[in-house]
């Protein structure tokens, strides 16, 4: 009886951990896309305003 209870709790814990990891991955992907889109809208620097690189 106690073994079934432990397995049930372990299964629920694994499911909760999987859901937390999945939602964190989705949030990170959305933030990445938002940041990438914001950078895409930035205008490139003109050569006369570019920092010196040598």
PDB file of N, CA and C in Angstrom:
ATOM      1  N   UNK A   1       0.821  -1.189   0.000  1.00  0.00           N
ATOM      2  CA  UNK A   1       0.000   0.000   0.000  1.00  0.00           C
ATOM      3  C   UNK A   1       0.865   1.253   0.000  1.00  0.00           C
ATOM      4  N   UNK A   2       1.893   1.304   0.849  1.00  0.00           N
ATOM      5  CA  UNK A   2       2.727   2.500   0.911  1.00  0.00           C
ATOM      6  C   UNK A   2       3.549   2.662  -0.360  1.00  0.00           C
ATOM      7  N   UNK A   3       3.879   1.556  -1.024  1.00  0.00           N
ATOM      8  CA  UNK A   3       4.633   1.634  -2.270  1.00  0.00           C
ATOM      9  C   UNK A   3       3.796   2.293  -3.357  1.00  0.00           C
ATOM     10  N   UNK A   4       2.494   1.986  -3.415  1.00  0.00           N
ATOM     11  CA  UNK A   4       1.617   2.630  -4.391  1.00  0.00           C
ATOM     12  C   UNK A   4       1.505   4.128  -4.122  1.00  0.00           C
ATOM     13  N   UNK A   5       1.429   4.485  -2.858  1.00  0.00           N
ATOM     14  CA  UNK A   5       1.338   5.894  -2.490  1.00  0.00           C
ATOM     15  C   UNK A   5       2.606   6.639  -2.884  1.00  0.00           C
ATOM     16  N   UNK A   6       3.761   6.034  -2.660  1.00  0.00           N
ATOM     17  CA  UNK A   6       5.031   6.658  -3.040  1.00  0.00           C
ATOM     18  C   UNK A   6       5.126   6.818  -4.551  1.00  0.00           C
ATOM     19  N   UNK A   7       4.697   5.807  -5.306  1.00  0.00           N
ATOM     20  CA  UNK A   7       4.736   5.888  -6.763  1.00  0.00           C
ATOM     21  C   UNK A   7       3.793   6.972  -7.269  1.00  0.00           C
ATOM     22  N   UNK A   8       2.629   7.078  -6.638  1.00  0.00           N
ATOM     23  CA  UNK A   8       1.667   8.094  -7.042  1.00  0.00           C
ATOM     24  C   UNK A   8       2.219   9.495  -6.775  1.00  0.00           C
ATOM     25  N   UNK A   9       2.829   9.683  -5.616  1.00  0.00           N
ATOM     26  CA  UNK A   9       3.417  10.984  -5.300  1.00  0.00           C
ATOM     27  C   UNK A   9       4.592  11.300  -6.211  1.00  0.00           C
ATOM     28  N   UNK A  10       5.392  10.300  -6.521  1.00  0.00           N
ATOM     29  CA  UNK A  10       6.531  10.508  -7.420  1.00  0.00           C
ATOM     30  C   UNK A  10       6.042  10.876  -8.815  1.00  0.00           C
ATOM     31  N   UNK A  11       4.977  10.245  -9.249  1.00  0.00           N
ATOM     32  CA  UNK A  11       4.420  10.553 -10.567  1.00  0.00           C
ATOM     33  C   UNK A  11       3.880  11.971 -10.615  1.00  0.00           C
ATOM     34  N   UNK A  12       3.186  12.381  -9.556  1.00  0.00           N
ATOM     35  CA  UNK A  12       2.657  13.738  -9.507  1.00  0.00           C
ATOM     36  C   UNK A  12       3.782  14.765  -9.450  1.00  0.00           C
ATOM     37  N   UNK A  13       4.830  14.452  -8.694  1.00  0.00           N
ATOM     38  CA  UNK A  13       5.971  15.364  -8.605  1.00  0.00           C
ATOM     39  C   UNK A  13       6.673  15.489  -9.956  1.00  0.00           C
ATOM     40  N   UNK A  14       6.816  14.370 -10.656  1.00  0.00           N
ATOM     41  CA  UNK A  14       7.450  14.405 -11.969  1.00  0.00           C
ATOM     42  C   UNK A  14       6.609  15.200 -12.959  1.00  0.00           C
ATOM     43  N   UNK A  15       5.301  15.043 -12.877  1.00  0.00           N
ATOM     44  CA  UNK A  15       4.406  15.789 -13.755  1.00  0.00           C
ATOM     45  C   UNK A  15       4.488  17.283 -13.466  1.00  0.00           C
ATOM     46  N   UNK A  16       4.519  17.646 -12.202  1.00  0.00           N
ATOM     47  CA  UNK A  16       4.622  19.056 -11.829  1.00  0.00           C
ATOM     48  C   UNK A  16       5.957  19.644 -12.280  1.00  0.00           C
ATOM     49  N   UNK A  17       7.021  18.881 -12.121  1.00  0.00           N
ATOM     50  CA  UNK A  17       8.337  19.358 -12.548  1.00  0.00           C
ATOM     51  C   UNK A  17       8.383  19.527 -14.063  1.00  0.00           C
ATOM     52  N   UNK A  18       7.810  18.595 -14.774  1.00  0.00           N
ATOM     53  CA  UNK A  18       7.766  18.688 -16.231  1.00  0.00           C
ATOM     54  C   UNK A  18       6.970  19.893 -16.695  1.00  0.00           C
ATOM     55  N   UNK A  19       5.853  20.154 -16.027  1.00  0.00           N
ATOM     56  CA  UNK A  19       5.034  21.314 -16.388  1.00  0.00           C
ATOM     57  C   UNK A  19       5.786  22.614 -16.109  1.00  0.00           C
ATOM     58  N   UNK A  20       6.507  22.660 -15.002  1.00  0.00           N
ATOM     59  CA  UNK A  20       7.265  23.872 -14.658  1.00  0.00           C
ATOM     60  C   UNK A  20       8.385  24.107 -15.673  1.00  0.00           C
ATOM     61  N   UNK A  21       9.075  23.072 -16.052  1.00  0.00           N
ATOM     62  CA  UNK A  21      10.157  23.207 -17.028  1.00  0.00           C
ATOM     63  C   UNK A  21       9.604  23.612 -18.383  1.00  0.00           C
ATOM     64  N   UNK A  22       8.489  23.012 -18.759  1.00  0.00           N
ATOM     65  CA  UNK A  22       7.872  23.338 -20.045  1.00  0.00           C
ATOM     66  C   UNK A  22       7.415  24.783 -20.109  1.00  0.00           C
ATOM     67  N   UNK A  23       6.778  25.259 -19.050  1.00  0.00           N
ATOM     68  CA  UNK A  23       6.308  26.643 -19.069  1.00  0.00           C
ATOM     69  C   UNK A  23       7.480  27.617 -19.027  1.00  0.00           C
ATOM     70  N   UNK A  24       8.548  27.260 -18.349  1.00  0.00           N
ATOM     71  CA  UNK A  24       9.736  28.118 -18.336  1.00  0.00           C
ATOM     72  C   UNK A  24      10.368  28.171 -19.726  1.00  0.00           C
ATOM     73  N   UNK A  25      10.367  27.060 -20.429  1.00  0.00           N
ATOM     74  CA  UNK A  25      10.928  27.036 -21.778  1.00  0.00           C
ATOM     75  C   UNK A  25      10.096  27.886 -22.730  1.00  0.00           C
ATOM     76  N   UNK A  26       8.780  27.829 -22.580  1.00  0.00           N
ATOM     77  CA  UNK A  26       7.909  28.646 -23.430  1.00  0.00           C
ATOM     78  C   UNK A  26       8.131  30.124 -23.139  1.00  0.00           C
ATOM     79  N   UNK A  27       8.241  30.484 -21.876  1.00  0.00           N
ATOM     80  CA  UNK A  27       8.479  31.878 -21.509  1.00  0.00           C
ATOM     81  C   UNK A  27       9.814  32.368 -22.061  1.00  0.00           C
ATOM     82  N   UNK A  28      10.838  31.541 -21.973  1.00  0.00           N
ATOM     83  CA  UNK A  28      12.153  31.927 -22.494  1.00  0.00           C
ATOM     84  C   UNK A  28      12.106  32.102 -24.008  1.00  0.00           C
ATOM     85  N   UNK A  29      11.385  31.238 -24.694  1.00  0.00           N
ATOM     86  CA  UNK A  29      11.279  31.353 -26.145  1.00  0.00           C
ATOM     87  C   UNK A  29      10.558  32.635 -26.539  1.00  0.00           C
ATOM     88  N   UNK A  30       9.495  32.984 -25.810  1.00  0.00           N
ATOM     89  CA  UNK A  30       8.774  34.217 -26.114  1.00  0.00           C
ATOM     90  C   UNK A  30       9.638  35.446 -25.877  1.00  0.00           C
ATOM     91  N   UNK A  31      10.409  35.439 -24.799  1.00  0.00           N
ATOM     92  CA  UNK A  31      11.304  36.566 -24.528  1.00  0.00           C
ATOM     93  C   UNK A  31      12.378  36.682 -25.609  1.00  0.00           C
ATOM     94  N   UNK A  32      12.893  35.542 -26.066  1.00  0.00           N
ATOM     95  CA  UNK A  32      13.916  35.535 -27.113  1.00  0.00           C
ATOM     96  C   UNK A  32      13.364  36.120 -28.407  1.00  0.00           C
ATOM     97  N   UNK A  33      12.157  35.702 -28.772  1.00  0.00           N
ATOM     98  CA  UNK A  33      11.551  36.200 -30.010  1.00  0.00           C
ATOM     99  C   UNK A  33      11.286  37.696 -29.910  1.00  0.00           C
ATOM    100  N   UNK A  34      10.804  38.136 -28.757  1.00  0.00           N
ATOM    101  CA  UNK A  34      10.527  39.559 -28.571  1.00  0.00           C
ATOM    102  C   UNK A  34      11.810  40.374 -28.682  1.00  0.00           C
ATOM    103  N   UNK A  35      12.881  39.885 -28.059  1.00  0.00           N
ATOM    104  CA  UNK A  35      14.161  40.598 -28.114  1.00  0.00           C
ATOM    105  C   UNK A  35      14.712  40.624 -29.531  1.00  0.00           C
ATOM    106  N   UNK A  36      14.587  39.512 -30.228  1.00  0.00           N
ATOM    107  CA  UNK A  36      15.095  39.433 -31.591  1.00  0.00           C
ATOM    108  C   UNK A  36      14.325  40.374 -32.515  1.00  0.00           C
ATOM    109  N   UNK A  37      13.010  40.435 -32.317  1.00  0.00           N
ATOM    110  CA  UNK A  37      12.189  41.314 -33.141  1.00  0.00           C
ATOM    111  C   UNK A  37      12.529  42.777 -32.864  1.00  0.00           C
ATOM    112  N   UNK A  38      12.795  43.114 -31.606  1.00  0.00           N
ATOM    113  CA  UNK A  38      13.155  44.487 -31.253  1.00  0.00           C
ATOM    114  C   UNK A  38      14.490  44.871 -31.882  1.00  0.00           C
ATOM    115  N   UNK A  39      15.424  43.955 -31.906  1.00  0.00           N
ATOM    116  CA  UNK A  39      16.732  44.256 -32.522  1.00  0.00           C
ATOM    117  C   UNK A  39      16.617  44.389 -34.025  1.00  0.00           C
ATOM    118  N   UNK A  40      15.690  43.657 -34.622  1.00  0.00           N
ATOM    119  CA  UNK A  40      15.513  43.696 -36.063  1.00  0.00           C
ATOM    120  C   UNK A  40      14.987  45.063 -36.501  1.00  0.00           C
ATOM    121  N   UNK A  41      14.213  45.703 -35.643  1.00  0.00           N
ATOM    122  CA  UNK A  41      13.636  47.007 -35.978  1.00  0.00           C
ATOM    123  C   UNK A  41      14.618  48.155 -35.793  1.00  0.00           C
ATOM    124  N   UNK A  42      15.739  47.914 -35.122  1.00  0.00           N
ATOM    125  CA  UNK A  42      16.732  48.964 -34.939  1.00  0.00           C
ATOM    126  C   UNK A  42      17.411  49.272 -36.267  1.00  0.00           C
ATOM    127  N   UNK A  43      17.683  50.548 -36.484  1.00  0.00           N
ATOM    128  CA  UNK A  43      18.379  50.933 -37.702  1.00  0.00           C
ATOM    129  C   UNK A  43      19.873  50.708 -37.511  1.00  0.00           C
ATOM    130  N   UNK A  44      20.560  50.207 -38.545  1.00  0.00           N
ATOM    131  CA  UNK A  44      22.003  50.015 -38.421  1.00  0.00           C
ATOM    132  C   UNK A  44      22.731  51.354 -38.345  1.00  0.00           C
ATOM    133  N   UNK A  45      23.864  51.339 -37.687  1.00  0.00           N
ATOM    134  CA  UNK A  45      24.671  52.553 -37.580  1.00  0.00           C
ATOM    135  C   UNK A  45      25.241  52.922 -38.948  1.00  0.00           C
ATOM    136  N   UNK A  46      25.314  54.187 -39.204  1.00  0.00           N
ATOM    137  CA  UNK A  46      25.972  54.647 -40.425  1.00  0.00           C
ATOM    138  C   UNK A  46      27.474  54.554 -40.228  1.00  0.00           C
ATOM    139  N   UNK A  47      28.225  54.360 -41.301  1.00  0.00           N
ATOM    140  CA  UNK A  47      29.674  54.205 -41.163  1.00  0.00           C
ATOM    141  C   UNK A  47      30.339  55.371 -40.444  1.00  0.00           C
ATOM    142  N   UNK A  48      29.849  56.565 -40.631  1.00  0.00           N
ATOM    143  CA  UNK A  48      30.478  57.696 -39.961  1.00  0.00           C
ATOM    144  C   UNK A  48      30.180  57.711 -38.466  1.00  0.00           C
ATOM    145  N   UNK A  49      29.163  56.977 -38.027  1.00  0.00           N
ATOM    146  CA  UNK A  49      28.820  56.925 -36.601  1.00  0.00           C
ATOM    147  C   UNK A  49      29.267  55.612 -35.940  1.00  0.00           C
ATOM    148  N   UNK A  50      29.850  54.720 -36.722  1.00  0.00           N
ATOM    149  CA  UNK A  50      30.246  53.417 -36.200  1.00  0.00           C
ATOM    150  C   UNK A  50      31.459  53.549 -35.279  1.00  0.00           C
ATOM    151  N   UNK A  51      31.543  52.737 -34.236  1.00  0.00           N
ATOM    152  CA  UNK A  51      32.707  52.794 -33.373  1.00  0.00           C
ATOM    153  C   UNK A  51      33.967  52.290 -34.099  1.00  0.00           C
ATOM    154  N   UNK A  52      35.098  52.780 -33.676  1.00  0.00           N
ATOM    155  CA  UNK A  52      36.369  52.382 -34.283  1.00  0.00           C
ATOM    156  C   UNK A  52      36.688  50.944 -33.860  1.00  0.00           C
ATOM    157  N   UNK A  53      37.117  50.119 -34.805  1.00  0.00           N
ATOM    158  CA  UNK A  53      37.307  48.689 -34.503  1.00  0.00           C
ATOM    159  C   UNK A  53      38.730  48.167 -34.708  1.00  0.00           C
ATOM    160  N   UNK A  54      39.684  49.009 -34.949  1.00  0.00           N
ATOM    161  CA  UNK A  54      41.023  48.454 -35.193  1.00  0.00           C
ATOM    162  C   UNK A  54      41.821  48.391 -33.973  1.00  0.00           C
TER     163      UNK A  54
END
